[in-house]
Amino acid sequence: MRNLVLCLFVSLSVGGCNDDNLMGGMSDMTFLADLTPVIDMAMRMPDGVTCGNMTCNSPMVCCIKPGTGGTTSMCATPGTCGDGGAEVMCDGPEDCPSTMKNCCANAKFSLGQGDAAPMAQGANAACGSDTACPAGVDLTNSVLHTKLCHVASDCDGYTGTTPLGNADFDGCCTSDQAPGVKFCAPTQFAGGNRYTCN
């Protein structure tokens, strides 16, 4: 402490002082700084909801309605899609805030006969937290609970229940029943006329 006071006194009166011995031989000008910026390349900017061959920007939603020979898609005000339509407020995690980072989807379906694919009866998608977005297939109520995705990494670590037990919903998949929509689903059940995953 005496060296520091003496150095301060001398620096005020003389104009300089060697400070290398003040802190046990370490210069007080020594610093280790990591100025390398950290960039999260996985972060994507909100880009609206893909809706057929158009994009719906917030607060509009994409209404997907089944019809003869396929589906129709249009941007609409929330709550106006009607029965049997899918109201999609997000199509992946990039459309959701960090506090509700998942694009949670619930799809109502009916089972076909034999090997027939399940038929979509309506759906919705909205942003939600991890606890608000459990994965699972509920055969009793004919509902699929999942997240919407763009790439398989959007589904990393996502698990849920199926009629055959717990499964990883680790594939980003598509179905002819919901063209243009990608959802997290177990890759082990993909194939046939159910769904395909990347």
C-alpha atoms as a PDB file:
ATOM      1  CA  MET A   1       0.000   0.000   0.000  1.00  0.00           C
ATOM      2  CA  ARG A   2       2.905   2.348   0.815  1.00  0.00           C
ATOM      3  CA  ASN A   3       4.337   1.726  -2.680  1.00  0.00           C
ATOM      4  CA  LEU A   4       1.010   2.642  -4.268  1.00  0.00           C
ATOM      5  CA  VAL A   5       0.647   5.865  -2.262  1.00  0.00           C
ATOM      6  CA  LEU A   6       4.269   6.774  -2.988  1.00  0.00           C
ATOM      7  CA  CYS A   7       3.780   6.061  -6.680  1.00  0.00           C
ATOM      8  CA  LEU A   8       0.636   8.202  -6.813  1.00  0.00           C
ATOM      9  CA  PHE A   9       2.413  11.043  -5.010  1.00  0.00           C
ATOM     10  CA  VAL A  10       5.457  10.803  -7.289  1.00  0.00           C
ATOM     11  CA  SER A  11       3.316  10.555 -10.436  1.00  0.00           C
ATOM     12  CA  LEU A  12       1.464  13.716  -9.496  1.00  0.00           C
ATOM     13  CA  SER A  13       4.628  15.639  -8.800  1.00  0.00           C
ATOM     14  CA  VAL A  14       7.079  14.129 -11.283  1.00  0.00           C
ATOM     15  CA  GLY A  15       4.783  12.769 -13.989  1.00  0.00           C
ATOM     16  CA  GLY A  16       5.563   9.022 -14.164  1.00  0.00           C
ATOM     17  CA  CYS A  17       6.091   5.843 -12.234  1.00  0.00           C
ATOM     18  CA  ASN A  18       6.821   2.244 -13.154  1.00  0.00           C
ATOM     19  CA  ASP A  19       3.817   0.261 -11.951  1.00  0.00           C
ATOM     20  CA  ASP A  20       4.949  -3.247 -12.886  1.00  0.00           C
ATOM     21  CA  ASN A  21       5.723  -4.159  -9.276  1.00  0.00           C
ATOM     22  CA  LEU A  22       2.560  -2.761  -7.734  1.00  0.00           C
ATOM     23  CA  MET A  23       0.501  -5.926  -8.243  1.00  0.00           C
ATOM     24  CA  GLY A  24       3.028  -8.676  -7.586  1.00  0.00           C
ATOM     25  CA  GLY A  25       4.882  -8.210 -10.855  1.00  0.00           C
ATOM     26  CA  MET A  26       1.794  -8.049 -13.068  1.00  0.00           C
ATOM     27  CA  SER A  27       1.252  -4.828 -14.957  1.00  0.00           C
ATOM     28  CA  ASP A  28      -2.127  -3.205 -14.362  1.00  0.00           C
ATOM     29  CA  MET A  29      -2.248  -2.654 -18.124  1.00  0.00           C
ATOM     30  CA  THR A  30      -2.268  -6.402 -18.757  1.00  0.00           C
ATOM     31  CA  PHE A  31      -5.632  -7.739 -19.865  1.00  0.00           C
ATOM     32  CA  LEU A  32      -6.967 -10.781 -21.600  1.00  0.00           C
ATOM     33  CA  ALA A  33      -9.921  -9.855 -23.738  1.00  0.00           C
ATOM     34  CA  ASP A  34     -11.784 -12.073 -26.127  1.00  0.00           C
ATOM     35  CA  LEU A  35     -13.285  -9.651 -28.598  1.00  0.00           C
ATOM     36  CA  THR A  36     -14.344 -12.377 -31.005  1.00  0.00           C
ATOM     37  CA  PRO A  37     -18.077 -11.953 -31.638  1.00  0.00           C
ATOM     38  CA  VAL A  38     -20.204 -15.009 -31.038  1.00  0.00           C
ATOM     39  CA  ILE A  39     -22.736 -15.566 -33.794  1.00  0.00           C
ATOM     40  CA  ASP A  40     -25.483 -18.142 -33.453  1.00  0.00           C
ATOM     41  CA  MET A  41     -25.892 -19.334 -37.024  1.00  0.00           C
ATOM     42  CA  ALA A  42     -28.934 -21.383 -35.976  1.00  0.00           C
ATOM     43  CA  MET A  43     -30.910 -18.189 -35.294  1.00  0.00           C
ATOM     44  CA  ARG A  44     -33.346 -17.459 -38.086  1.00  0.00           C
ATOM     45  CA  MET A  45     -35.348 -14.306 -38.590  1.00  0.00           C
ATOM     46  CA  PRO A  46     -39.156 -14.411 -38.674  1.00  0.00           C
ATOM     47  CA  ASP A  47     -40.134 -14.826 -42.303  1.00  0.00           C
ATOM     48  CA  GLY A  48     -43.907 -15.107 -42.146  1.00  0.00           C
ATOM     49  CA  VAL A  49     -45.959 -18.243 -42.594  1.00  0.00           C
ATOM     50  CA  THR A  50     -45.722 -20.057 -45.903  1.00  0.00           C
ATOM     51  CA  CYS A  51     -49.271 -20.467 -47.180  1.00  0.00           C
ATOM     52  CA  GLY A  52     -49.510 -22.284 -50.498  1.00  0.00           C
ATOM     53  CA  ASN A  53     -47.573 -20.043 -52.899  1.00  0.00           C
ATOM     54  CA  MET A  54     -47.888 -16.916 -50.713  1.00  0.00           C
ATOM     55  CA  THR A  55     -46.663 -15.726 -47.303  1.00  0.00           C
ATOM     56  CA  CYS A  56     -48.880 -14.529 -44.444  1.00  0.00           C
ATOM     57  CA  ASN A  57     -47.302 -11.953 -42.133  1.00  0.00           C
ATOM     58  CA  SER A  58     -48.411 -11.378 -38.538  1.00  0.00           C
ATOM     59  CA  PRO A  59     -51.153 -10.837 -37.431  1.00  0.00           C
ATOM     60  CA  MET A  60     -52.619 -12.779 -40.379  1.00  0.00           C
ATOM     61  CA  VAL A  61     -52.722 -16.582 -40.273  1.00  0.00           C
ATOM     62  CA  CYS A  62     -52.694 -19.185 -43.018  1.00  0.00           C
ATOM     63  CA  CYS A  63     -55.976 -21.059 -43.436  1.00  0.00           C
ATOM     64  CA  ILE A  64     -55.555 -24.466 -45.037  1.00  0.00           C
ATOM     65  CA  LYS A  65     -58.848 -26.105 -45.966  1.00  0.00           C
ATOM     66  CA  PRO A  66     -59.357 -29.572 -47.418  1.00  0.00           C
ATOM     67  CA  GLY A  67     -61.338 -29.810 -50.608  1.00  0.00           C
ATOM     68  CA  THR A  68     -61.945 -32.126 -53.500  1.00  0.00           C
ATOM     69  CA  GLY A  69     -58.633 -33.020 -55.086  1.00  0.00           C
ATOM     70  CA  GLY A  70     -56.464 -31.328 -52.457  1.00  0.00           C
ATOM     71  CA  THR A  71     -56.384 -28.285 -50.203  1.00  0.00           C
ATOM     72  CA  THR A  72     -56.758 -24.533 -50.575  1.00  0.00           C
ATOM     73  CA  SER A  73     -54.598 -22.033 -48.693  1.00  0.00           C
ATOM     74  CA  MET A  74     -55.237 -18.355 -48.012  1.00  0.00           C
ATOM     75  CA  CYS A  75     -54.183 -15.637 -45.576  1.00  0.00           C
ATOM     76  CA  ALA A  76     -56.962 -14.617 -43.175  1.00  0.00           C
ATOM     77  CA  THR A  77     -57.726 -12.939 -39.860  1.00  0.00           C
ATOM     78  CA  PRO A  78     -57.251 -15.262 -36.850  1.00  0.00           C
ATOM     79  CA  GLY A  79     -60.433 -17.123 -35.928  1.00  0.00           C
ATOM     80  CA  THR A  80     -61.993 -17.014 -39.393  1.00  0.00           C
ATOM     81  CA  CYS A  81     -60.764 -20.317 -40.870  1.00  0.00           C
ATOM     82  CA  GLY A  82     -63.911 -22.228 -39.886  1.00  0.00           C
ATOM     83  CA  ASP A  83     -64.470 -25.879 -39.087  1.00  0.00           C
ATOM     84  CA  GLY A  84     -62.226 -28.431 -40.731  1.00  0.00           C
ATOM     85  CA  GLY A  85     -59.593 -25.843 -41.629  1.00  0.00           C
ATOM     86  CA  ALA A  86     -56.086 -25.547 -40.262  1.00  0.00           C
ATOM     87  CA  GLU A  87     -55.268 -22.165 -38.713  1.00  0.00           C
ATOM     88  CA  VAL A  88     -51.488 -21.761 -38.899  1.00  0.00           C
ATOM     89  CA  MET A  89     -49.969 -18.808 -36.987  1.00  0.00           C
ATOM     90  CA  CYS A  90     -46.392 -20.074 -37.376  1.00  0.00           C
ATOM     91  CA  ASP A  91     -44.642 -22.643 -39.553  1.00  0.00           C
ATOM     92  CA  GLY A  92     -41.430 -23.076 -37.569  1.00  0.00           C
ATOM     93  CA  PRO A  93     -39.543 -21.823 -34.505  1.00  0.00           C
ATOM     94  CA  GLU A  94     -38.273 -18.687 -36.286  1.00  0.00           C
ATOM     95  CA  ASP A  95     -41.775 -17.198 -36.156  1.00  0.00           C
ATOM     96  CA  CYS A  96     -41.936 -17.460 -32.340  1.00  0.00           C
ATOM     97  CA  PRO A  97     -40.460 -15.315 -29.525  1.00  0.00           C
ATOM     98  CA  SER A  98     -37.752 -16.825 -27.294  1.00  0.00           C
ATOM     99  CA  THR A  99     -40.199 -17.137 -24.366  1.00  0.00           C
ATOM    100  CA  MET A 100     -42.489 -19.341 -26.504  1.00  0.00           C
ATOM    101  CA  LYS A 101     -39.909 -20.766 -28.889  1.00  0.00           C
ATOM    102  CA  ASN A 102     -41.925 -23.693 -30.285  1.00  0.00           C
ATOM    103  CA  CYS A 103     -44.425 -23.663 -33.126  1.00  0.00           C
ATOM    104  CA  CYS A 104     -46.882 -26.072 -31.470  1.00  0.00           C
ATOM    105  CA  ALA A 105     -49.371 -27.909 -33.662  1.00  0.00           C
ATOM    106  CA  ASN A 106     -52.450 -29.994 -32.923  1.00  0.00           C
ATOM    107  CA  ALA A 107     -53.955 -31.953 -35.803  1.00  0.00           C
ATOM    108  CA  LYS A 108     -57.275 -33.766 -35.606  1.00  0.00           C
ATOM    109  CA  PHE A 109     -57.458 -36.892 -37.768  1.00  0.00           C
ATOM    110  CA  SER A 110     -59.602 -39.931 -38.533  1.00  0.00           C
ATOM    111  CA  LEU A 111     -58.144 -43.344 -39.179  1.00  0.00           C
ATOM    112  CA  GLY A 112     -58.731 -44.979 -42.542  1.00  0.00           C
ATOM    113  CA  GLN A 113     -59.449 -48.637 -43.161  1.00  0.00           C
ATOM    114  CA  GLY A 114     -56.542 -51.111 -43.248  1.00  0.00           C
ATOM    115  CA  ASP A 115     -53.380 -49.429 -44.505  1.00  0.00           C
ATOM    116  CA  ALA A 116     -55.147 -46.217 -45.506  1.00  0.00           C
ATOM    117  CA  ALA A 117     -53.453 -43.048 -44.326  1.00  0.00           C
ATOM    118  CA  PRO A 118     -55.076 -41.090 -41.493  1.00  0.00           C
ATOM    119  CA  MET A 119     -57.316 -38.356 -42.879  1.00  0.00           C
ATOM    120  CA  ALA A 120     -56.808 -34.806 -41.586  1.00  0.00           C
ATOM    121  CA  GLN A 121     -59.913 -33.293 -39.987  1.00  0.00           C
ATOM    122  CA  GLY A 122     -58.507 -29.890 -38.957  1.00  0.00           C
ATOM    123  CA  ALA A 123     -55.514 -28.415 -37.189  1.00  0.00           C
ATOM    124  CA  ASN A 124     -53.957 -25.322 -35.704  1.00  0.00           C
ATOM    125  CA  ALA A 125     -50.458 -24.059 -34.976  1.00  0.00           C
ATOM    126  CA  ALA A 126     -49.397 -21.370 -32.511  1.00  0.00           C
ATOM    127  CA  CYS A 127     -46.281 -20.418 -30.535  1.00  0.00           C
ATOM    128  CA  GLY A 128     -45.877 -22.074 -27.141  1.00  0.00           C
ATOM    129  CA  SER A 129     -43.383 -22.921 -24.405  1.00  0.00           C
ATOM    130  CA  ASP A 130     -41.774 -26.356 -23.978  1.00  0.00           C
ATOM    131  CA  THR A 131     -44.403 -27.390 -21.402  1.00  0.00           C
ATOM    132  CA  ALA A 132     -47.249 -26.184 -23.628  1.00  0.00           C
ATOM    133  CA  CYS A 133     -46.014 -28.255 -26.558  1.00  0.00           C
ATOM    134  CA  PRO A 134     -45.876 -31.948 -25.583  1.00  0.00           C
ATOM    135  CA  ALA A 135     -45.358 -34.456 -28.386  1.00  0.00           C
ATOM    136  CA  GLY A 136     -47.758 -37.337 -28.719  1.00  0.00           C
ATOM    137  CA  VAL A 137     -50.372 -39.290 -30.607  1.00  0.00           C
ATOM    138  CA  ASP A 138     -53.717 -39.505 -28.805  1.00  0.00           C
ATOM    139  CA  LEU A 139     -55.766 -42.251 -30.502  1.00  0.00           C
ATOM    140  CA  THR A 140     -58.670 -41.844 -28.076  1.00  0.00           C
ATOM    141  CA  ASN A 141     -59.279 -38.268 -29.206  1.00  0.00           C
ATOM    142  CA  SER A 142     -57.655 -38.710 -32.666  1.00  0.00           C
ATOM    143  CA  VAL A 143     -55.195 -35.855 -32.175  1.00  0.00           C
ATOM    144  CA  LEU A 144     -51.519 -35.507 -33.083  1.00  0.00           C
ATOM    145  CA  HIS A 145     -49.572 -33.082 -30.838  1.00  0.00           C
ATOM    146  CA  THR A 146     -46.266 -31.944 -32.345  1.00  0.00           C
ATOM    147  CA  LYS A 147     -44.109 -28.974 -33.413  1.00  0.00           C
ATOM    148  CA  LEU A 148     -43.756 -27.528 -36.893  1.00  0.00           C
ATOM    149  CA  CYS A 149     -40.231 -27.455 -38.301  1.00  0.00           C
ATOM    150  CA  HIS A 150     -38.101 -26.663 -41.336  1.00  0.00           C
ATOM    151  CA  VAL A 151     -35.069 -28.897 -40.678  1.00  0.00           C
ATOM    152  CA  ALA A 152     -34.444 -31.973 -38.498  1.00  0.00           C
ATOM    153  CA  SER A 153     -32.446 -29.914 -35.960  1.00  0.00           C
ATOM    154  CA  ASP A 154     -35.703 -28.068 -35.099  1.00  0.00           C
ATOM    155  CA  CYS A 155     -36.826 -31.413 -33.596  1.00  0.00           C
ATOM    156  CA  ASP A 156     -33.652 -32.240 -31.620  1.00  0.00           C
ATOM    157  CA  GLY A 157     -34.389 -33.641 -28.155  1.00  0.00           C
ATOM    158  CA  TYR A 158     -38.156 -33.717 -28.754  1.00  0.00           C
ATOM    159  CA  THR A 159     -39.817 -36.856 -27.399  1.00  0.00           C
ATOM    160  CA  GLY A 160     -43.375 -37.937 -26.783  1.00  0.00           C
ATOM    161  CA  THR A 161     -45.873 -40.741 -26.481  1.00  0.00           C
ATOM    162  CA  THR A 162     -47.311 -42.971 -29.183  1.00  0.00           C
ATOM    163  CA  PRO A 163     -49.661 -45.969 -29.010  1.00  0.00           C
ATOM    164  CA  LEU A 164     -46.481 -48.123 -29.105  1.00  0.00           C
ATOM    165  CA  GLY A 165     -44.766 -46.302 -26.211  1.00  0.00           C
ATOM    166  CA  ASN A 166     -42.393 -43.330 -25.940  1.00  0.00           C
ATOM    167  CA  ALA A 167     -40.574 -42.247 -29.095  1.00  0.00           C
ATOM    168  CA  ASP A 168     -38.226 -39.551 -30.327  1.00  0.00           C
ATOM    169  CA  PHE A 169     -40.081 -37.068 -32.537  1.00  0.00           C
ATOM    170  CA  ASP A 170     -36.725 -36.366 -34.189  1.00  0.00           C
ATOM    171  CA  GLY A 171     -37.598 -36.191 -37.889  1.00  0.00           C
ATOM    172  CA  CYS A 172     -38.819 -33.123 -39.765  1.00  0.00           C
ATOM    173  CA  CYS A 173     -41.530 -34.786 -41.837  1.00  0.00           C
ATOM    174  CA  THR A 174     -44.154 -34.128 -44.502  1.00  0.00           C
ATOM    175  CA  SER A 175     -47.469 -35.770 -45.374  1.00  0.00           C
ATOM    176  CA  ASP A 176     -49.693 -35.685 -48.433  1.00  0.00           C
ATOM    177  CA  GLN A 177     -52.503 -34.782 -46.012  1.00  0.00           C
ATOM    178  CA  ALA A 178     -50.826 -31.425 -45.244  1.00  0.00           C
ATOM    179  CA  PRO A 179     -48.875 -30.287 -48.316  1.00  0.00           C
ATOM    180  CA  GLY A 180     -46.173 -27.728 -47.618  1.00  0.00           C
ATOM    181  CA  VAL A 181     -46.292 -28.264 -43.837  1.00  0.00           C
ATOM    182  CA  LYS A 182     -43.350 -29.898 -42.039  1.00  0.00           C
ATOM    183  CA  PHE A 183     -43.786 -31.395 -38.572  1.00  0.00           C
ATOM    184  CA  CYS A 184     -41.701 -33.292 -36.008  1.00  0.00           C
ATOM    185  CA  ALA A 185     -42.512 -37.025 -35.931  1.00  0.00           C
ATOM    186  CA  PRO A 186     -40.819 -40.345 -35.082  1.00  0.00           C
ATOM    187  CA  THR A 187     -38.632 -41.398 -38.014  1.00  0.00           C
ATOM    188  CA  GLN A 188     -39.143 -45.072 -37.113  1.00  0.00           C
ATOM    189  CA  PHE A 189     -42.793 -44.890 -38.202  1.00  0.00           C
ATOM    190  CA  ALA A 190     -42.145 -43.012 -41.447  1.00  0.00           C
ATOM    191  CA  GLY A 191     -42.772 -44.600 -44.810  1.00  0.00           C
ATOM    192  CA  GLY A 192     -45.631 -46.240 -46.598  1.00  0.00           C
ATOM    193  CA  ASN A 193     -48.526 -43.837 -46.977  1.00  0.00           C
ATOM    194  CA  ARG A 194     -48.040 -42.213 -43.556  1.00  0.00           C
ATOM    195  CA  TYR A 195     -45.310 -39.555 -43.888  1.00  0.00           C
ATOM    196  CA  THR A 196     -41.715 -39.054 -45.019  1.00  0.00           C
ATOM    197  CA  CYS A 197     -38.891 -37.416 -43.034  1.00  0.00           C
ATOM    198  CA  ASN A 198     -35.609 -35.687 -43.778  1.00  0.00           C
END
